[in-house]
C-alpha cells in the first residue's frame, strides 16, 4: 500500500494506537522478561521488521548490558548480549541517548557488525529507552534488506520506546516494592509474613514426600534490658549483628527471618532434630561472644534457642512452630543462653 510521506494507513494507525494503549496499562505484577517479550513483539508486528526486533537493557551501576530479548531467528538472548560491541551502535545509543537509523549496514558508521551479518540483516533502527534520570536500554527493529524507514515508522518506534520505558520502570518498581514487603526493614532478613508463606510451602512439601525438616526459634536474651540500659540504637545494632551471625552460620537453602522484636526463626530443609540442634548450638556460640557498646557501657549478648522437627502427626507449620516454641520456653526456664530440642533433656 502506497501512502503519503509521513502518513500511515488508517487501520495500521489504529492497531498501533491500540498496542501502545495496552502497553501503557502495564503497571502491576508483571515479570520483566514477559514485558520485554511483549515489547519486541509489538515492534515486530507494527513496524517494518522482516529481520525481527530486539531489546537489550543497560545497567548503569555496573556499566554493562544485562537482560536481552530478541525475535531475530537463530539469535539467542545470551548470544545477542554477548556480541554487543564496546564501541558499537548499542553503546553509542546508550551514551548519547540518541536514536540511530541505518538504512544499509554497508553504510553503518560503526562498520559492518558480524552479529547483523551472521543473521542476514541489512538495515536497522535503534532508539534509547529512557527513564527519568538514566538510560534503561535500547530497542531495535531490523530488516533483511536495505530500507528507508518512513517518518511515521520512526515516530511510532520512538513512541513505543517511550511507553516501553514507562512500563519497565513500573514493573521494576512493583518488583522492588514486593521485595521490600517481604523484608524486615532493620536486618534485611525475611519478615514474619514472608517466612510463614515460604516455610508453609516447605512444610507441605516435606509432609507430602516424607522428608525431614526442622525449625529453630531464637530470642535475644534480656533484650528489653539492653534497650532500657544501653539505648535503642544499641538494641538495633544488636539485632543487626545477631542477624549477620545467623546468616553466616546457615546454608543458602535455609530460611532465616526476623519474626518479632528480638525473635528470629530458621527453617532447616532436609534436617532432623539432632542435626538442627547442632546448628542451633553453633549459632548460640557465635552469638555468645558478641558485645555492643551503648549508653550504659558494654552489653554482653546471648540468645536462647528452641528446636522442633516435623512429625507425621503435625497438620501444618503452626504445629511445628508450636513444638519449637515450647523448646524455646524450656531453654529460657533453664537459665537462657541454651539450646533445647524435642529430645528429653
C-alpha atoms as a PDB file:
ATOM      1  CA  UNK A   1       0.000   0.000   0.000  1.00  0.00           C
ATOM      2  CA  UNK A   2       1.364   3.412  -1.044  1.00  0.00           C
ATOM      3  CA  UNK A   3       0.901   6.244   1.442  1.00  0.00           C
ATOM      4  CA  UNK A   4       1.920   9.866   1.569  1.00  0.00           C
ATOM      5  CA  UNK A   5       5.294  10.584   3.213  1.00  0.00           C
ATOM      6  CA  UNK A   6       4.846  10.719   6.947  1.00  0.00           C
ATOM      7  CA  UNK A   7       1.392   9.157   6.727  1.00  0.00           C
ATOM      8  CA  UNK A   8       0.209   5.644   7.544  1.00  0.00           C
ATOM      9  CA  UNK A   9      -2.922   3.640   6.639  1.00  0.00           C
ATOM     10  CA  UNK A  10      -5.831   4.285   8.994  1.00  0.00           C
ATOM     11  CA  UNK A  11      -6.098   0.640  10.075  1.00  0.00           C
ATOM     12  CA  UNK A  12      -2.352   0.483  10.831  1.00  0.00           C
ATOM     13  CA  UNK A  13      -2.611   3.683  12.849  1.00  0.00           C
ATOM     14  CA  UNK A  14      -5.494   2.253  14.907  1.00  0.00           C
ATOM     15  CA  UNK A  15      -3.654  -1.010  15.549  1.00  0.00           C
ATOM     16  CA  UNK A  16      -0.562   0.893  16.606  1.00  0.00           C
ATOM     17  CA  UNK A  17      -2.524   3.095  18.991  1.00  0.00           C
ATOM     18  CA  UNK A  18      -4.235   0.047  20.499  1.00  0.00           C
ATOM     19  CA  UNK A  19      -0.861  -1.659  21.050  1.00  0.00           C
ATOM     20  CA  UNK A  20       0.542   1.441  22.743  1.00  0.00           C
ATOM     21  CA  UNK A  21      -2.540   1.814  24.920  1.00  0.00           C
ATOM     22  CA  UNK A  22      -2.242  -1.794  26.089  1.00  0.00           C
ATOM     23  CA  UNK A  23       1.419  -1.308  26.945  1.00  0.00           C
ATOM     24  CA  UNK A  24       0.704   1.870  28.893  1.00  0.00           C
ATOM     25  CA  UNK A  25      -1.594  -0.076  31.211  1.00  0.00           C
ATOM     26  CA  UNK A  26       1.266  -2.293  32.410  1.00  0.00           C
ATOM     27  CA  UNK A  27       1.973  -1.123  35.952  1.00  0.00           C
ATOM     28  CA  UNK A  28       1.384  -4.111  38.193  1.00  0.00           C
ATOM     29  CA  UNK A  29       2.744  -7.575  38.908  1.00  0.00           C
ATOM     30  CA  UNK A  30       4.233  -8.474  35.515  1.00  0.00           C
ATOM     31  CA  UNK A  31       7.502 -10.333  35.037  1.00  0.00           C
ATOM     32  CA  UNK A  32      10.163  -8.169  33.435  1.00  0.00           C
ATOM     33  CA  UNK A  33      11.144 -10.652  30.731  1.00  0.00           C
ATOM     34  CA  UNK A  34       7.468 -11.211  29.837  1.00  0.00           C
ATOM     35  CA  UNK A  35       7.118  -7.455  29.403  1.00  0.00           C
ATOM     36  CA  UNK A  36      10.242  -7.273  27.210  1.00  0.00           C
ATOM     37  CA  UNK A  37       8.905 -10.071  25.004  1.00  0.00           C
ATOM     38  CA  UNK A  38       5.660  -8.164  24.639  1.00  0.00           C
ATOM     39  CA  UNK A  39       7.530  -5.017  23.619  1.00  0.00           C
ATOM     40  CA  UNK A  40       9.602  -6.710  20.900  1.00  0.00           C
ATOM     41  CA  UNK A  41       6.515  -8.447  19.521  1.00  0.00           C
ATOM     42  CA  UNK A  42       4.714  -5.106  19.263  1.00  0.00           C
ATOM     43  CA  UNK A  43       7.735  -3.662  17.441  1.00  0.00           C
ATOM     44  CA  UNK A  44       7.918  -6.631  15.075  1.00  0.00           C
ATOM     45  CA  UNK A  45       4.181  -6.700  14.374  1.00  0.00           C
ATOM     46  CA  UNK A  46       3.651  -2.974  13.821  1.00  0.00           C
ATOM     47  CA  UNK A  47       6.856  -1.894  12.071  1.00  0.00           C
ATOM     48  CA  UNK A  48       8.845  -2.938   9.008  1.00  0.00           C
ATOM     49  CA  UNK A  49      10.896  -5.605  10.768  1.00  0.00           C
ATOM     50  CA  UNK A  50      11.390  -8.565   8.455  1.00  0.00           C
ATOM     51  CA  UNK A  51      14.544  -9.376  10.394  1.00  0.00           C
ATOM     52  CA  UNK A  52      12.883  -9.210  13.814  1.00  0.00           C
ATOM     53  CA  UNK A  53      13.139  -6.908  16.813  1.00  0.00           C
ATOM     54  CA  UNK A  54      15.221  -6.923  19.957  1.00  0.00           C
ATOM     55  CA  UNK A  55      15.607  -5.128  23.242  1.00  0.00           C
ATOM     56  CA  UNK A  56      18.634  -5.030  25.495  1.00  0.00           C
ATOM     57  CA  UNK A  57      18.734  -3.473  28.952  1.00  0.00           C
ATOM     58  CA  UNK A  58      21.581  -1.398  30.352  1.00  0.00           C
ATOM     59  CA  UNK A  59      22.683  -1.327  33.991  1.00  0.00           C
ATOM     60  CA  UNK A  60      24.390   1.997  34.758  1.00  0.00           C
ATOM     61  CA  UNK A  61      25.729   0.713  38.086  1.00  0.00           C
ATOM     62  CA  UNK A  62      27.888  -1.999  36.515  1.00  0.00           C
ATOM     63  CA  UNK A  63      28.211  -0.153  33.189  1.00  0.00           C
ATOM     64  CA  UNK A  64      27.152  -3.179  31.186  1.00  0.00           C
ATOM     65  CA  UNK A  65      24.244  -4.724  29.321  1.00  0.00           C
ATOM     66  CA  UNK A  66      22.154  -7.282  31.193  1.00  0.00           C
ATOM     67  CA  UNK A  67      18.835  -8.752  30.008  1.00  0.00           C
ATOM     68  CA  UNK A  68      18.259  -9.232  26.293  1.00  0.00           C
ATOM     69  CA  UNK A  69      15.150 -10.400  24.431  1.00  0.00           C
ATOM     70  CA  UNK A  70      15.070 -10.905  20.669  1.00  0.00           C
ATOM     71  CA  UNK A  71      12.857 -12.323  17.918  1.00  0.00           C
ATOM     72  CA  UNK A  72      15.703 -12.447  15.402  1.00  0.00           C
ATOM     73  CA  UNK A  73      15.877 -16.059  14.131  1.00  0.00           C
ATOM     74  CA  UNK A  74      18.918 -18.071  15.215  1.00  0.00           C
ATOM     75  CA  UNK A  75      19.859 -15.497  17.840  1.00  0.00           C
ATOM     76  CA  UNK A  76      19.567 -16.397  21.493  1.00  0.00           C
ATOM     77  CA  UNK A  77      19.221 -13.602  24.032  1.00  0.00           C
ATOM     78  CA  UNK A  78      22.568 -14.576  25.598  1.00  0.00           C
ATOM     79  CA  UNK A  79      24.280 -14.624  22.210  1.00  0.00           C
ATOM     80  CA  UNK A  80      22.931 -11.201  21.308  1.00  0.00           C
ATOM     81  CA  UNK A  81      24.002  -9.715  24.639  1.00  0.00           C
ATOM     82  CA  UNK A  82      27.496 -11.187  24.462  1.00  0.00           C
ATOM     83  CA  UNK A  83      28.050  -9.869  20.935  1.00  0.00           C
ATOM     84  CA  UNK A  84      27.226  -6.259  21.777  1.00  0.00           C
ATOM     85  CA  UNK A  85      30.364  -4.337  20.875  1.00  0.00           C
ATOM     86  CA  UNK A  86      32.030  -1.990  23.339  1.00  0.00           C
ATOM     87  CA  UNK A  87      32.265   0.746  20.706  1.00  0.00           C
ATOM     88  CA  UNK A  88      29.314  -0.209  18.536  1.00  0.00           C
ATOM     89  CA  UNK A  89      25.882   1.218  17.829  1.00  0.00           C
ATOM     90  CA  UNK A  90      24.210  -0.021  21.028  1.00  0.00           C
ATOM     91  CA  UNK A  91      26.790   1.551  23.312  1.00  0.00           C
ATOM     92  CA  UNK A  92      26.645   4.787  21.256  1.00  0.00           C
ATOM     93  CA  UNK A  93      22.849   4.981  21.622  1.00  0.00           C
ATOM     94  CA  UNK A  94      23.184   4.498  25.389  1.00  0.00           C
ATOM     95  CA  UNK A  95      25.912   7.104  25.752  1.00  0.00           C
ATOM     96  CA  UNK A  96      24.343   9.767  23.519  1.00  0.00           C
ATOM     97  CA  UNK A  97      20.689   8.978  24.295  1.00  0.00           C
ATOM     98  CA  UNK A  98      20.032   9.456  20.582  1.00  0.00           C
ATOM     99  CA  UNK A  99      18.304   7.155  18.054  1.00  0.00           C
ATOM    100  CA  UNK A 100      20.313   5.603  15.235  1.00  0.00           C
ATOM    101  CA  UNK A 101      18.861   4.658  11.830  1.00  0.00           C
ATOM    102  CA  UNK A 102      20.949   2.675   9.355  1.00  0.00           C
ATOM    103  CA  UNK A 103      19.209   2.010   6.031  1.00  0.00           C
ATOM    104  CA  UNK A 104      22.049  -0.169   4.747  1.00  0.00           C
ATOM    105  CA  UNK A 105      24.582  -1.858   7.037  1.00  0.00           C
ATOM    106  CA  UNK A 106      27.277  -1.328   4.405  1.00  0.00           C
ATOM    107  CA  UNK A 107      26.973   2.355   5.329  1.00  0.00           C
ATOM    108  CA  UNK A 108      26.895   1.685   9.081  1.00  0.00           C
ATOM    109  CA  UNK A 109      29.024   4.366  10.787  1.00  0.00           C
ATOM    110  CA  UNK A 110      30.305   1.705  13.195  1.00  0.00           C
ATOM    111  CA  UNK A 111      31.227  -0.746  10.453  1.00  0.00           C
ATOM    112  CA  UNK A 112      29.525  -3.963   9.460  1.00  0.00           C
ATOM    113  CA  UNK A 113      28.537  -5.732  12.684  1.00  0.00           C
ATOM    114  CA  UNK A 114      29.230  -9.505  12.483  1.00  0.00           C
ATOM    115  CA  UNK A 115      26.137 -10.066  14.639  1.00  0.00           C
ATOM    116  CA  UNK A 116      23.959  -8.481  11.921  1.00  0.00           C
ATOM    117  CA  UNK A 117      25.768 -10.126   9.036  1.00  0.00           C
ATOM    118  CA  UNK A 118      25.514 -13.583  10.568  1.00  0.00           C
ATOM    119  CA  UNK A 119      21.742 -13.141  10.814  1.00  0.00           C
ATOM    120  CA  UNK A 120      21.375 -11.795   7.269  1.00  0.00           C
ATOM    121  CA  UNK A 121      20.297  -8.334   8.399  1.00  0.00           C
ATOM    122  CA  UNK A 122      20.705  -5.348   6.100  1.00  0.00           C
ATOM    123  CA  UNK A 123      19.092  -2.413   7.941  1.00  0.00           C
ATOM    124  CA  UNK A 124      18.111  -1.391  11.448  1.00  0.00           C
ATOM    125  CA  UNK A 125      16.704   1.385  13.589  1.00  0.00           C
ATOM    126  CA  UNK A 126      17.545   1.681  17.260  1.00  0.00           C
ATOM    127  CA  UNK A 127      16.121   4.017  19.900  1.00  0.00           C
ATOM    128  CA  UNK A 128      17.104   4.509  23.544  1.00  0.00           C
ATOM    129  CA  UNK A 129      14.795   3.524  26.375  1.00  0.00           C
ATOM    130  CA  UNK A 130      14.928   6.472  28.739  1.00  0.00           C
ATOM    131  CA  UNK A 131      13.985   6.579  32.402  1.00  0.00           C
ATOM    132  CA  UNK A 132      13.652   9.790  34.364  1.00  0.00           C
ATOM    133  CA  UNK A 133      17.370  10.108  35.020  1.00  0.00           C
ATOM    134  CA  UNK A 134      19.079   7.216  33.267  1.00  0.00           C
ATOM    135  CA  UNK A 135      19.120   5.077  30.146  1.00  0.00           C
ATOM    136  CA  UNK A 136      17.313   1.772  30.568  1.00  0.00           C
ATOM    137  CA  UNK A 137      18.423   0.133  27.336  1.00  0.00           C
ATOM    138  CA  UNK A 138      17.926   0.069  23.559  1.00  0.00           C
ATOM    139  CA  UNK A 139      15.049  -1.110  21.353  1.00  0.00           C
ATOM    140  CA  UNK A 140      15.781  -2.254  17.794  1.00  0.00           C
ATOM    141  CA  UNK A 141      13.832  -3.196  14.683  1.00  0.00           C
ATOM    142  CA  UNK A 142      15.760  -4.902  11.861  1.00  0.00           C
ATOM    143  CA  UNK A 143      15.300  -5.732   8.200  1.00  0.00           C
ATOM    144  CA  UNK A 144      16.645  -8.373   5.855  1.00  0.00           C
ATOM    145  CA  UNK A 145      17.023  -5.855   3.050  1.00  0.00           C
ATOM    146  CA  UNK A 146      18.075  -2.195   2.877  1.00  0.00           C
ATOM    147  CA  UNK A 147      15.196   0.044   3.891  1.00  0.00           C
ATOM    148  CA  UNK A 148      14.418   3.716   4.233  1.00  0.00           C
ATOM    149  CA  UNK A 149      12.231   3.980   7.306  1.00  0.00           C
ATOM    150  CA  UNK A 150       9.291   6.360   6.967  1.00  0.00           C
ATOM    151  CA  UNK A 151       8.691   9.278   9.290  1.00  0.00           C
ATOM    152  CA  UNK A 152       5.575   7.597  10.679  1.00  0.00           C
ATOM    153  CA  UNK A 153       7.517   4.358  11.321  1.00  0.00           C
ATOM    154  CA  UNK A 154      10.216   6.207  13.253  1.00  0.00           C
ATOM    155  CA  UNK A 155       7.635   8.275  15.139  1.00  0.00           C
ATOM    156  CA  UNK A 156       5.885   5.070  16.230  1.00  0.00           C
ATOM    157  CA  UNK A 157       9.202   3.487  17.226  1.00  0.00           C
ATOM    158  CA  UNK A 158      10.062   6.497  19.400  1.00  0.00           C
ATOM    159  CA  UNK A 159       6.600   6.478  20.984  1.00  0.00           C
ATOM    160  CA  UNK A 160       6.829   2.737  21.582  1.00  0.00           C
ATOM    161  CA  UNK A 161      10.204   3.253  23.292  1.00  0.00           C
ATOM    162  CA  UNK A 162       8.681   5.963  25.489  1.00  0.00           C
ATOM    163  CA  UNK A 163       5.762   3.764  26.561  1.00  0.00           C
ATOM    164  CA  UNK A 164       8.049   0.750  26.962  1.00  0.00           C
ATOM    165  CA  UNK A 165      10.348   2.739  29.248  1.00  0.00           C
ATOM    166  CA  UNK A 166       7.430   3.697  31.476  1.00  0.00           C
ATOM    167  CA  UNK A 167       6.250   0.092  31.647  1.00  0.00           C
ATOM    168  CA  UNK A 168       9.754  -1.172  32.508  1.00  0.00           C
ATOM    169  CA  UNK A 169      10.078   1.382  35.306  1.00  0.00           C
ATOM    170  CA  UNK A 170       6.649   0.395  36.667  1.00  0.00           C
ATOM    171  CA  UNK A 171       7.404  -3.327  36.618  1.00  0.00           C
ATOM    172  CA  UNK A 172      10.757  -2.792  38.317  1.00  0.00           C
ATOM    173  CA  UNK A 173       9.164  -0.543  40.929  1.00  0.00           C
ATOM    174  CA  UNK A 174       6.470  -3.121  41.668  1.00  0.00           C
ATOM    175  CA  UNK A 175       9.104  -5.859  41.986  1.00  0.00           C
ATOM    176  CA  UNK A 176      11.115  -3.697  44.394  1.00  0.00           C
ATOM    177  CA  UNK A 177       8.040  -2.893  46.484  1.00  0.00           C
ATOM    178  CA  UNK A 178       7.185  -6.588  46.583  1.00  0.00           C
ATOM    179  CA  UNK A 179      10.729  -7.415  47.645  1.00  0.00           C
ATOM    180  CA  UNK A 180      10.635  -4.748  50.349  1.00  0.00           C
ATOM    181  CA  UNK A 181       7.281  -6.062  51.583  1.00  0.00           C
ATOM    182  CA  UNK A 182       8.936  -9.420  52.240  1.00  0.00           C
ATOM    183  CA  UNK A 183      11.955  -7.986  54.060  1.00  0.00           C
ATOM    184  CA  UNK A 184      12.492  -6.743  57.576  1.00  0.00           C
ATOM    185  CA  UNK A 185      13.490  -3.102  57.349  1.00  0.00           C
ATOM    186  CA  UNK A 186      16.196  -3.239  60.023  1.00  0.00           C
ATOM    187  CA  UNK A 187      18.022  -6.502  59.319  1.00  0.00           C
ATOM    188  CA  UNK A 188      17.157  -7.158  55.679  1.00  0.00           C
ATOM    189  CA  UNK A 189      16.009 -10.676  56.594  1.00  0.00           C
ATOM    190  CA  UNK A 190      12.669 -12.158  55.634  1.00  0.00           C
ATOM    191  CA  UNK A 191       9.829 -10.737  57.705  1.00  0.00           C
ATOM    192  CA  UNK A 192       7.186 -12.727  59.559  1.00  0.00           C
ATOM    193  CA  UNK A 193       4.715 -12.806  56.670  1.00  0.00           C
ATOM    194  CA  UNK A 194       7.300 -13.949  54.126  1.00  0.00           C
ATOM    195  CA  UNK A 195       8.640 -16.620  56.470  1.00  0.00           C
ATOM    196  CA  UNK A 196       5.198 -18.081  57.102  1.00  0.00           C
ATOM    197  CA  UNK A 197       4.401 -18.184  53.385  1.00  0.00           C
ATOM    198  CA  UNK A 198       7.682 -19.792  52.329  1.00  0.00           C
ATOM    199  CA  UNK A 199       8.014 -22.085  55.332  1.00  0.00           C
ATOM    200  CA  UNK A 200       4.414 -23.302  54.956  1.00  0.00           C
ATOM    201  CA  UNK A 201       5.160 -24.333  51.388  1.00  0.00           C
ATOM    202  CA  UNK A 202       8.301 -26.176  52.502  1.00  0.00           C
ATOM    203  CA  UNK A 203       6.321 -27.859  55.293  1.00  0.00           C
ATOM    204  CA  UNK A 204       3.684 -29.114  52.830  1.00  0.00           C
ATOM    205  CA  UNK A 205       6.396 -30.421  50.535  1.00  0.00           C
ATOM    206  CA  UNK A 206       8.203 -32.202  53.372  1.00  0.00           C
ATOM    207  CA  UNK A 207       4.974 -33.736  54.648  1.00  0.00           C
ATOM    208  CA  UNK A 208       3.919 -34.909  51.190  1.00  0.00           C
ATOM    209  CA  UNK A 209       7.242 -36.537  50.342  1.00  0.00           C
ATOM    210  CA  UNK A 210       8.024 -37.606  53.915  1.00  0.00           C
ATOM    211  CA  UNK A 211      11.211 -35.570  54.055  1.00  0.00           C
ATOM    212  CA  UNK A 212      12.837 -34.237  57.254  1.00  0.00           C
ATOM    213  CA  UNK A 213      12.507 -30.583  58.130  1.00  0.00           C
ATOM    214  CA  UNK A 214      13.239 -28.626  61.311  1.00  0.00           C
ATOM    215  CA  UNK A 215      12.577 -25.193  62.774  1.00  0.00           C
ATOM    216  CA  UNK A 216      14.703 -23.174  65.180  1.00  0.00           C
ATOM    217  CA  UNK A 217      13.158 -20.317  67.132  1.00  0.00           C
ATOM    218  CA  UNK A 218      15.544 -17.888  68.808  1.00  0.00           C
ATOM    219  CA  UNK A 219      15.198 -14.964  71.218  1.00  0.00           C
ATOM    220  CA  UNK A 220      17.915 -12.488  72.172  1.00  0.00           C
ATOM    221  CA  UNK A 221      18.189 -12.793  75.946  1.00  0.00           C
ATOM    222  CA  UNK A 222      17.125  -9.815  78.115  1.00  0.00           C
ATOM    223  CA  UNK A 223      16.653  -7.635  75.034  1.00  0.00           C
ATOM    224  CA  UNK A 224      14.334  -5.221  76.836  1.00  0.00           C
ATOM    225  CA  UNK A 225      17.069  -4.545  79.390  1.00  0.00           C
ATOM    226  CA  UNK A 226      19.558  -3.868  76.593  1.00  0.00           C
ATOM    227  CA  UNK A 227      17.193  -1.256  75.154  1.00  0.00           C
ATOM    228  CA  UNK A 228      16.440   0.264  78.578  1.00  0.00           C
ATOM    229  CA  UNK A 229      20.037   0.432  79.793  1.00  0.00           C
ATOM    230  CA  UNK A 230      22.033   0.972  76.610  1.00  0.00           C
ATOM    231  CA  UNK A 231      19.508   2.717  74.344  1.00  0.00           C
ATOM    232  CA  UNK A 232      17.513   1.733  71.280  1.00  0.00           C
ATOM    233  CA  UNK A 233      20.397   2.443  68.912  1.00  0.00           C
ATOM    234  CA  UNK A 234      22.449  -0.170  70.729  1.00  0.00           C
ATOM    235  CA  UNK A 235      19.455  -2.511  70.573  1.00  0.00           C
ATOM    236  CA  UNK A 236      19.239  -2.043  66.808  1.00  0.00           C
ATOM    237  CA  UNK A 237      22.949  -2.799  66.459  1.00  0.00           C
ATOM    238  CA  UNK A 238      22.447  -5.976  68.482  1.00  0.00           C
ATOM    239  CA  UNK A 239      19.711  -7.143  66.131  1.00  0.00           C
ATOM    240  CA  UNK A 240      21.764  -6.343  63.039  1.00  0.00           C
ATOM    241  CA  UNK A 241      24.872  -8.113  64.320  1.00  0.00           C
ATOM    242  CA  UNK A 242      22.874 -11.108  65.525  1.00  0.00           C
ATOM    243  CA  UNK A 243      21.241 -11.404  62.104  1.00  0.00           C
ATOM    244  CA  UNK A 244      24.669 -11.265  60.432  1.00  0.00           C
ATOM    245  CA  UNK A 245      25.995 -14.069  62.623  1.00  0.00           C
ATOM    246  CA  UNK A 246      22.928 -16.180  61.995  1.00  0.00           C
ATOM    247  CA  UNK A 247      23.267 -15.698  58.237  1.00  0.00           C
ATOM    248  CA  UNK A 248      26.942 -16.613  58.319  1.00  0.00           C
ATOM    249  CA  UNK A 249      26.157 -19.902  60.042  1.00  0.00           C
ATOM    250  CA  UNK A 250      23.418 -21.131  57.707  1.00  0.00           C
ATOM    251  CA  UNK A 251      23.186 -22.690  54.250  1.00  0.00           C
ATOM    252  CA  UNK A 252      21.784 -20.812  51.277  1.00  0.00           C
ATOM    253  CA  UNK A 253      18.683 -23.026  51.154  1.00  0.00           C
ATOM    254  CA  UNK A 254      17.754 -22.377  54.798  1.00  0.00           C
ATOM    255  CA  UNK A 255      15.115 -19.743  55.554  1.00  0.00           C
ATOM    256  CA  UNK A 256      16.018 -17.073  58.108  1.00  0.00           C
ATOM    257  CA  UNK A 257      13.581 -14.416  59.303  1.00  0.00           C
ATOM    258  CA  UNK A 258      13.068 -11.830  61.976  1.00  0.00           C
ATOM    259  CA  UNK A 259       9.536 -12.590  63.130  1.00  0.00           C
ATOM    260  CA  UNK A 260       9.244 -10.195  66.067  1.00  0.00           C
ATOM    261  CA  UNK A 261      11.160  -7.602  68.059  1.00  0.00           C
ATOM    262  CA  UNK A 262      14.053  -9.808  69.177  1.00  0.00           C
ATOM    263  CA  UNK A 263      12.663 -13.068  67.781  1.00  0.00           C
ATOM    264  CA  UNK A 264      14.176 -14.959  64.858  1.00  0.00           C
ATOM    265  CA  UNK A 265      13.027 -18.103  63.053  1.00  0.00           C
ATOM    266  CA  UNK A 266      15.062 -20.534  60.959  1.00  0.00           C
ATOM    267  CA  UNK A 267      13.718 -23.307  58.733  1.00  0.00           C
ATOM    268  CA  UNK A 268      16.258 -26.052  58.064  1.00  0.00           C
ATOM    269  CA  UNK A 269      15.365 -28.082  54.983  1.00  0.00           C
ATOM    270  CA  UNK A 270      16.339 -31.780  54.977  1.00  0.00           C
ATOM    271  CA  UNK A 271      17.347 -31.589  58.652  1.00  0.00           C
ATOM    272  CA  UNK A 272      16.255 -33.599  61.665  1.00  0.00           C
ATOM    273  CA  UNK A 273      16.286 -32.672  65.345  1.00  0.00           C
ATOM    274  CA  UNK A 274      19.800 -33.841  66.155  1.00  0.00           C
ATOM    275  CA  UNK A 275      21.398 -32.008  63.223  1.00  0.00           C
ATOM    276  CA  UNK A 276      19.208 -28.944  63.816  1.00  0.00           C
ATOM    277  CA  UNK A 277      20.223 -28.901  67.490  1.00  0.00           C
ATOM    278  CA  UNK A 278      23.860 -28.946  66.450  1.00  0.00           C
ATOM    279  CA  UNK A 279      23.240 -26.000  64.126  1.00  0.00           C
ATOM    280  CA  UNK A 280      21.460 -24.117  66.911  1.00  0.00           C
ATOM    281  CA  UNK A 281      24.330 -24.782  69.320  1.00  0.00           C
ATOM    282  CA  UNK A 282      26.847 -23.496  66.786  1.00  0.00           C
ATOM    283  CA  UNK A 283      24.768 -20.355  66.293  1.00  0.00           C
ATOM    284  CA  UNK A 284      24.388 -19.896  70.034  1.00  0.00           C
ATOM    285  CA  UNK A 285      28.172 -19.970  70.488  1.00  0.00           C
ATOM    286  CA  UNK A 286      28.703 -17.457  67.670  1.00  0.00           C
ATOM    287  CA  UNK A 287      26.339 -15.003  69.380  1.00  0.00           C
ATOM    288  CA  UNK A 288      27.635 -15.633  72.909  1.00  0.00           C
ATOM    289  CA  UNK A 289      30.823 -13.654  72.277  1.00  0.00           C
ATOM    290  CA  UNK A 290      29.016 -10.620  70.873  1.00  0.00           C
ATOM    291  CA  UNK A 291      29.386  -7.292  72.692  1.00  0.00           C
ATOM    292  CA  UNK A 292      27.783  -3.968  71.790  1.00  0.00           C
ATOM    293  CA  UNK A 293      28.660  -0.617  73.319  1.00  0.00           C
ATOM    294  CA  UNK A 294      25.773   1.697  74.200  1.00  0.00           C
ATOM    295  CA  UNK A 295      24.751   4.469  76.557  1.00  0.00           C
ATOM    296  CA  UNK A 296      25.168   2.254  79.605  1.00  0.00           C
ATOM    297  CA  UNK A 297      28.526   0.786  78.626  1.00  0.00           C
ATOM    298  CA  UNK A 298      29.136  -2.620  77.081  1.00  0.00           C
ATOM    299  CA  UNK A 299      26.250  -5.023  76.580  1.00  0.00           C
ATOM    300  CA  UNK A 300      27.024  -8.741  76.523  1.00  0.00           C
ATOM    301  CA  UNK A 301      24.698 -10.525  74.125  1.00  0.00           C
ATOM    302  CA  UNK A 302      23.407 -14.087  74.370  1.00  0.00           C
ATOM    303  CA  UNK A 303      20.446 -15.917  72.892  1.00  0.00           C
ATOM    304  CA  UNK A 304      18.180 -18.862  73.664  1.00  0.00           C
ATOM    305  CA  UNK A 305      17.153 -21.448  71.074  1.00  0.00           C
ATOM    306  CA  UNK A 306      14.306 -23.913  70.708  1.00  0.00           C
ATOM    307  CA  UNK A 307      14.303 -26.661  68.076  1.00  0.00           C
ATOM    308  CA  UNK A 308      11.370 -28.569  66.594  1.00  0.00           C
ATOM    309  CA  UNK A 309      11.198 -31.208  63.863  1.00  0.00           C
ATOM    310  CA  UNK A 310       8.385 -32.384  61.643  1.00  0.00           C
ATOM    311  CA  UNK A 311       6.328 -35.363  62.842  1.00  0.00           C
ATOM    312  CA  UNK A 312       3.655 -37.344  60.957  1.00  0.00           C
ATOM    313  CA  UNK A 313       1.017 -36.146  63.439  1.00  0.00           C
ATOM    314  CA  UNK A 314       1.610 -32.489  62.513  1.00  0.00           C
ATOM    315  CA  UNK A 315      -1.009 -30.939  60.234  1.00  0.00           C
ATOM    316  CA  UNK A 316       0.638 -27.648  59.370  1.00  0.00           C
ATOM    317  CA  UNK A 317       3.524 -25.283  60.057  1.00  0.00           C
ATOM    318  CA  UNK A 318       1.821 -23.972  63.188  1.00  0.00           C
ATOM    319  CA  UNK A 319       2.236 -27.393  64.845  1.00  0.00           C
ATOM    320  CA  UNK A 320       5.964 -27.382  64.069  1.00  0.00           C
ATOM    321  CA  UNK A 321       6.411 -23.838  65.338  1.00  0.00           C
ATOM    322  CA  UNK A 322       4.481 -24.681  68.500  1.00  0.00           C
ATOM    323  CA  UNK A 323       6.904 -27.513  69.225  1.00  0.00           C
ATOM    324  CA  UNK A 324       9.914 -25.240  68.701  1.00  0.00           C
ATOM    325  CA  UNK A 325       8.324 -22.543  70.865  1.00  0.00           C
ATOM    326  CA  UNK A 326       7.841 -24.999  73.709  1.00  0.00           C
ATOM    327  CA  UNK A 327      11.507 -25.973  73.434  1.00  0.00           C
ATOM    328  CA  UNK A 328      12.484 -22.282  73.474  1.00  0.00           C
ATOM    329  CA  UNK A 329      10.431 -21.796  76.651  1.00  0.00           C
ATOM    330  CA  UNK A 330      12.344 -24.653  78.291  1.00  0.00           C
ATOM    331  CA  UNK A 331      15.656 -23.026  77.305  1.00  0.00           C
ATOM    332  CA  UNK A 332      14.595 -19.785  78.991  1.00  0.00           C
ATOM    333  CA  UNK A 333      13.309 -21.566  82.094  1.00  0.00           C
ATOM    334  CA  UNK A 334      16.613 -23.420  82.399  1.00  0.00           C
ATOM    335  CA  UNK A 335      18.601 -20.171  82.582  1.00  0.00           C
ATOM    336  CA  UNK A 336      18.828 -18.815  78.973  1.00  0.00           C
ATOM    337  CA  UNK A 337      21.805 -18.881  76.606  1.00  0.00           C
ATOM    338  CA  UNK A 338      20.853 -22.515  75.963  1.00  0.00           C
ATOM    339  CA  UNK A 339      19.546 -24.765  73.214  1.00  0.00           C
ATOM    340  CA  UNK A 340      16.619 -27.095  73.795  1.00  0.00           C
ATOM    341  CA  UNK A 341      15.162 -29.533  71.285  1.00  0.00           C
ATOM    342  CA  UNK A 342      12.492 -32.192  71.048  1.00  0.00           C
ATOM    343  CA  UNK A 343      14.635 -34.775  72.815  1.00  0.00           C
ATOM    344  CA  UNK A 344      14.360 -35.153  76.563  1.00  0.00           C
ATOM    345  CA  UNK A 345      16.888 -33.021  78.439  1.00  0.00           C
END
